[in-house]
Amino acid sequence: MIENKAVTPSDFGISQAEPKPVEGFGLDPNMTSDEFWYLVDRFYAISPAVWQMYKTGSVQNRDILKEYHAIFRRIAKAPLIPYYEAVAPDLFDWLSKKLG
């Protein structure tokens, strides 16, 4: 952790008139809690390999990149994705380019 402070959407380059709760973005109703937690564990397990590929700029295993991206899209809360992308734009740009 680098810093802990209050932020607003505009701090991330996101225009949002007024922050408000968003309903309907809980666990995917087509996914069991066991599947969700399996995917979370798998995401954490493969993340170091993805980060190493990102760090070196070399893709040793494209299947891991595809799996990482697919899992992220399934377990990330949709309203938070723009924030993840704002915090790590280089990673998400790189991932997008490598996945074509």
C-alpha atoms as a PDB file:
ATOM      1  CA  MET A   1       0.000   0.000   0.000  1.00  0.00           C
ATOM      2  CA  ILE A   2       1.298   3.411  -0.934  1.00  0.00           C
ATOM      3  CA  GLU A   3      -1.350   5.666   0.503  1.00  0.00           C
ATOM      4  CA  ASN A   4      -4.710   5.524   2.240  1.00  0.00           C
ATOM      5  CA  LYS A   5      -6.964   8.495   1.573  1.00  0.00           C
ATOM      6  CA  ALA A   6     -10.488   9.357   0.528  1.00  0.00           C
ATOM      7  CA  VAL A   7     -10.961   9.578  -3.238  1.00  0.00           C
ATOM      8  CA  THR A   8     -13.709  10.411  -5.707  1.00  0.00           C
ATOM      9  CA  PRO A   9     -14.443   8.956  -9.146  1.00  0.00           C
ATOM     10  CA  SER A  10     -12.851  12.008 -10.761  1.00  0.00           C
ATOM     11  CA  ASP A  11      -9.536  11.086  -9.069  1.00  0.00           C
ATOM     12  CA  PHE A  12      -9.561   8.076 -11.416  1.00  0.00           C
ATOM     13  CA  GLY A  13     -10.653  10.017 -14.485  1.00  0.00           C
ATOM     14  CA  ILE A  14     -14.196   8.702 -14.199  1.00  0.00           C
ATOM     15  CA  SER A  15     -17.051  11.140 -14.520  1.00  0.00           C
ATOM     16  CA  GLN A  16     -19.864  10.220 -12.217  1.00  0.00           C
ATOM     17  CA  ALA A  17     -22.322  12.864 -11.083  1.00  0.00           C
ATOM     18  CA  GLU A  18     -22.918  11.461  -7.626  1.00  0.00           C
ATOM     19  CA  PRO A  19     -21.706   8.181  -6.152  1.00  0.00           C
ATOM     20  CA  LYS A  20     -24.612   5.916  -5.343  1.00  0.00           C
ATOM     21  CA  PRO A  21     -25.076   2.224  -4.628  1.00  0.00           C
ATOM     22  CA  VAL A  22     -25.636   0.001  -7.643  1.00  0.00           C
ATOM     23  CA  GLU A  23     -28.010  -2.914  -7.270  1.00  0.00           C
ATOM     24  CA  GLY A  24     -27.735  -6.200  -9.096  1.00  0.00           C
ATOM     25  CA  PHE A  25     -23.979  -6.619  -9.157  1.00  0.00           C
ATOM     26  CA  GLY A  26     -23.568  -9.356  -6.591  1.00  0.00           C
ATOM     27  CA  LEU A  27     -22.625 -12.939  -7.294  1.00  0.00           C
ATOM     28  CA  ASP A  28     -23.603 -14.011 -10.803  1.00  0.00           C
ATOM     29  CA  PRO A  29     -26.875 -15.925 -10.283  1.00  0.00           C
ATOM     30  CA  ASN A  30     -25.624 -18.561 -12.750  1.00  0.00           C
ATOM     31  CA  MET A  31     -22.540 -19.191 -10.589  1.00  0.00           C
ATOM     32  CA  THR A  32     -22.530 -21.082  -7.321  1.00  0.00           C
ATOM     33  CA  SER A  33     -20.593 -19.723  -4.377  1.00  0.00           C
ATOM     34  CA  ASP A  34     -18.257 -22.747  -4.674  1.00  0.00           C
ATOM     35  CA  GLU A  35     -17.531 -21.836  -8.282  1.00  0.00           C
ATOM     36  CA  PHE A  36     -16.994 -18.186  -7.359  1.00  0.00           C
ATOM     37  CA  TRP A  37     -14.477 -19.063  -4.629  1.00  0.00           C
ATOM     38  CA  TYR A  38     -12.742 -21.578  -6.889  1.00  0.00           C
ATOM     39  CA  LEU A  39     -12.332 -18.812  -9.501  1.00  0.00           C
ATOM     40  CA  VAL A  40     -11.051 -16.349  -6.891  1.00  0.00           C
ATOM     41  CA  ASP A  41      -8.475 -18.890  -5.715  1.00  0.00           C
ATOM     42  CA  ARG A  42      -7.492 -19.708  -9.296  1.00  0.00           C
ATOM     43  CA  PHE A  43      -7.184 -16.001 -10.135  1.00  0.00           C
ATOM     44  CA  TYR A  44      -4.781 -15.498  -7.241  1.00  0.00           C
ATOM     45  CA  ALA A  45      -2.864 -18.652  -8.178  1.00  0.00           C
ATOM     46  CA  ILE A  46      -2.213 -17.573 -11.790  1.00  0.00           C
ATOM     47  CA  SER A  47      -1.722 -13.860 -11.119  1.00  0.00           C
ATOM     48  CA  PRO A  48       2.043 -14.128 -10.427  1.00  0.00           C
ATOM     49  CA  ALA A  49       2.587 -15.802 -13.821  1.00  0.00           C
ATOM     50  CA  VAL A  50       0.610 -13.054 -15.560  1.00  0.00           C
ATOM     51  CA  TRP A  51       2.475 -10.315 -13.709  1.00  0.00           C
ATOM     52  CA  GLN A  52       5.810 -11.920 -14.617  1.00  0.00           C
ATOM     53  CA  MET A  53       4.826 -11.998 -18.303  1.00  0.00           C
ATOM     54  CA  TYR A  54       3.741  -8.365 -18.037  1.00  0.00           C
ATOM     55  CA  LYS A  55       6.999  -7.416 -16.311  1.00  0.00           C
ATOM     56  CA  THR A  56       9.156  -9.079 -18.958  1.00  0.00           C
ATOM     57  CA  GLY A  57       6.887  -8.237 -21.890  1.00  0.00           C
ATOM     58  CA  SER A  58       7.122 -11.849 -22.998  1.00  0.00           C
ATOM     59  CA  VAL A  59       4.097 -14.126 -23.235  1.00  0.00           C
ATOM     60  CA  GLN A  60       5.164 -17.643 -22.321  1.00  0.00           C
ATOM     61  CA  ASN A  61       1.605 -18.927 -21.923  1.00  0.00           C
ATOM     62  CA  ARG A  62      -1.234 -17.216 -23.780  1.00  0.00           C
ATOM     63  CA  ASP A  63      -3.751 -19.663 -22.293  1.00  0.00           C
ATOM     64  CA  ILE A  64      -2.964 -18.308 -18.811  1.00  0.00           C
ATOM     65  CA  LEU A  65      -3.592 -14.764 -20.074  1.00  0.00           C
ATOM     66  CA  LYS A  66      -6.942 -15.808 -21.539  1.00  0.00           C
ATOM     67  CA  GLU A  67      -7.904 -17.580 -18.326  1.00  0.00           C
ATOM     68  CA  TYR A  68      -6.840 -14.583 -16.207  1.00  0.00           C
ATOM     69  CA  HIS A  69      -8.927 -12.211 -18.317  1.00  0.00           C
ATOM     70  CA  ALA A  70     -11.952 -14.524 -18.347  1.00  0.00           C
ATOM     71  CA  ILE A  71     -11.838 -15.038 -14.586  1.00  0.00           C
ATOM     72  CA  PHE A  72     -11.407 -11.324 -13.938  1.00  0.00           C
ATOM     73  CA  ARG A  73     -14.491 -10.537 -16.040  1.00  0.00           C
ATOM     74  CA  ARG A  74     -16.531 -13.162 -14.165  1.00  0.00           C
ATOM     75  CA  ILE A  75     -15.588 -12.272 -10.602  1.00  0.00           C
ATOM     76  CA  ALA A  76     -15.023  -8.508 -10.764  1.00  0.00           C
ATOM     77  CA  LYS A  77     -17.973  -6.339  -9.878  1.00  0.00           C
ATOM     78  CA  ALA A  78     -18.979  -4.557 -13.100  1.00  0.00           C
ATOM     79  CA  PRO A  79     -19.183  -1.049 -11.550  1.00  0.00           C
ATOM     80  CA  LEU A  80     -15.607  -1.427 -10.256  1.00  0.00           C
ATOM     81  CA  ILE A  81     -13.973  -2.471 -13.536  1.00  0.00           C
ATOM     82  CA  PRO A  82     -13.375   1.145 -14.679  1.00  0.00           C
ATOM     83  CA  TYR A  83     -11.566   1.770 -11.388  1.00  0.00           C
ATOM     84  CA  TYR A  84      -9.338  -1.299 -11.797  1.00  0.00           C
ATOM     85  CA  GLU A  85      -8.543  -0.169 -15.333  1.00  0.00           C
ATOM     86  CA  ALA A  86      -7.831   3.387 -14.125  1.00  0.00           C
ATOM     87  CA  VAL A  87      -5.468   2.173 -11.411  1.00  0.00           C
ATOM     88  CA  ALA A  88      -3.520  -0.170 -13.718  1.00  0.00           C
ATOM     89  CA  PRO A  89      -4.062   1.088 -17.295  1.00  0.00           C
ATOM     90  CA  ASP A  90      -0.702  -0.205 -18.551  1.00  0.00           C
ATOM     91  CA  LEU A  91      -1.509  -3.742 -17.409  1.00  0.00           C
ATOM     92  CA  PHE A  92      -4.963  -3.752 -18.966  1.00  0.00           C
ATOM     93  CA  ASP A  93      -3.701  -2.214 -22.228  1.00  0.00           C
ATOM     94  CA  TRP A  94      -0.940  -4.813 -22.404  1.00  0.00           C
ATOM     95  CA  LEU A  95      -3.395  -7.625 -21.667  1.00  0.00           C
ATOM     96  CA  SER A  96      -5.793  -6.375 -24.329  1.00  0.00           C
ATOM     97  CA  LYS A  97      -3.021  -6.177 -26.939  1.00  0.00           C
ATOM     98  CA  LYS A  98      -1.691  -9.646 -26.112  1.00  0.00           C
ATOM     99  CA  LEU A  99      -5.159 -11.158 -26.338  1.00  0.00           C
ATOM    100  CA  GLY A 100      -5.912  -9.308 -29.569  1.00  0.00           C
END
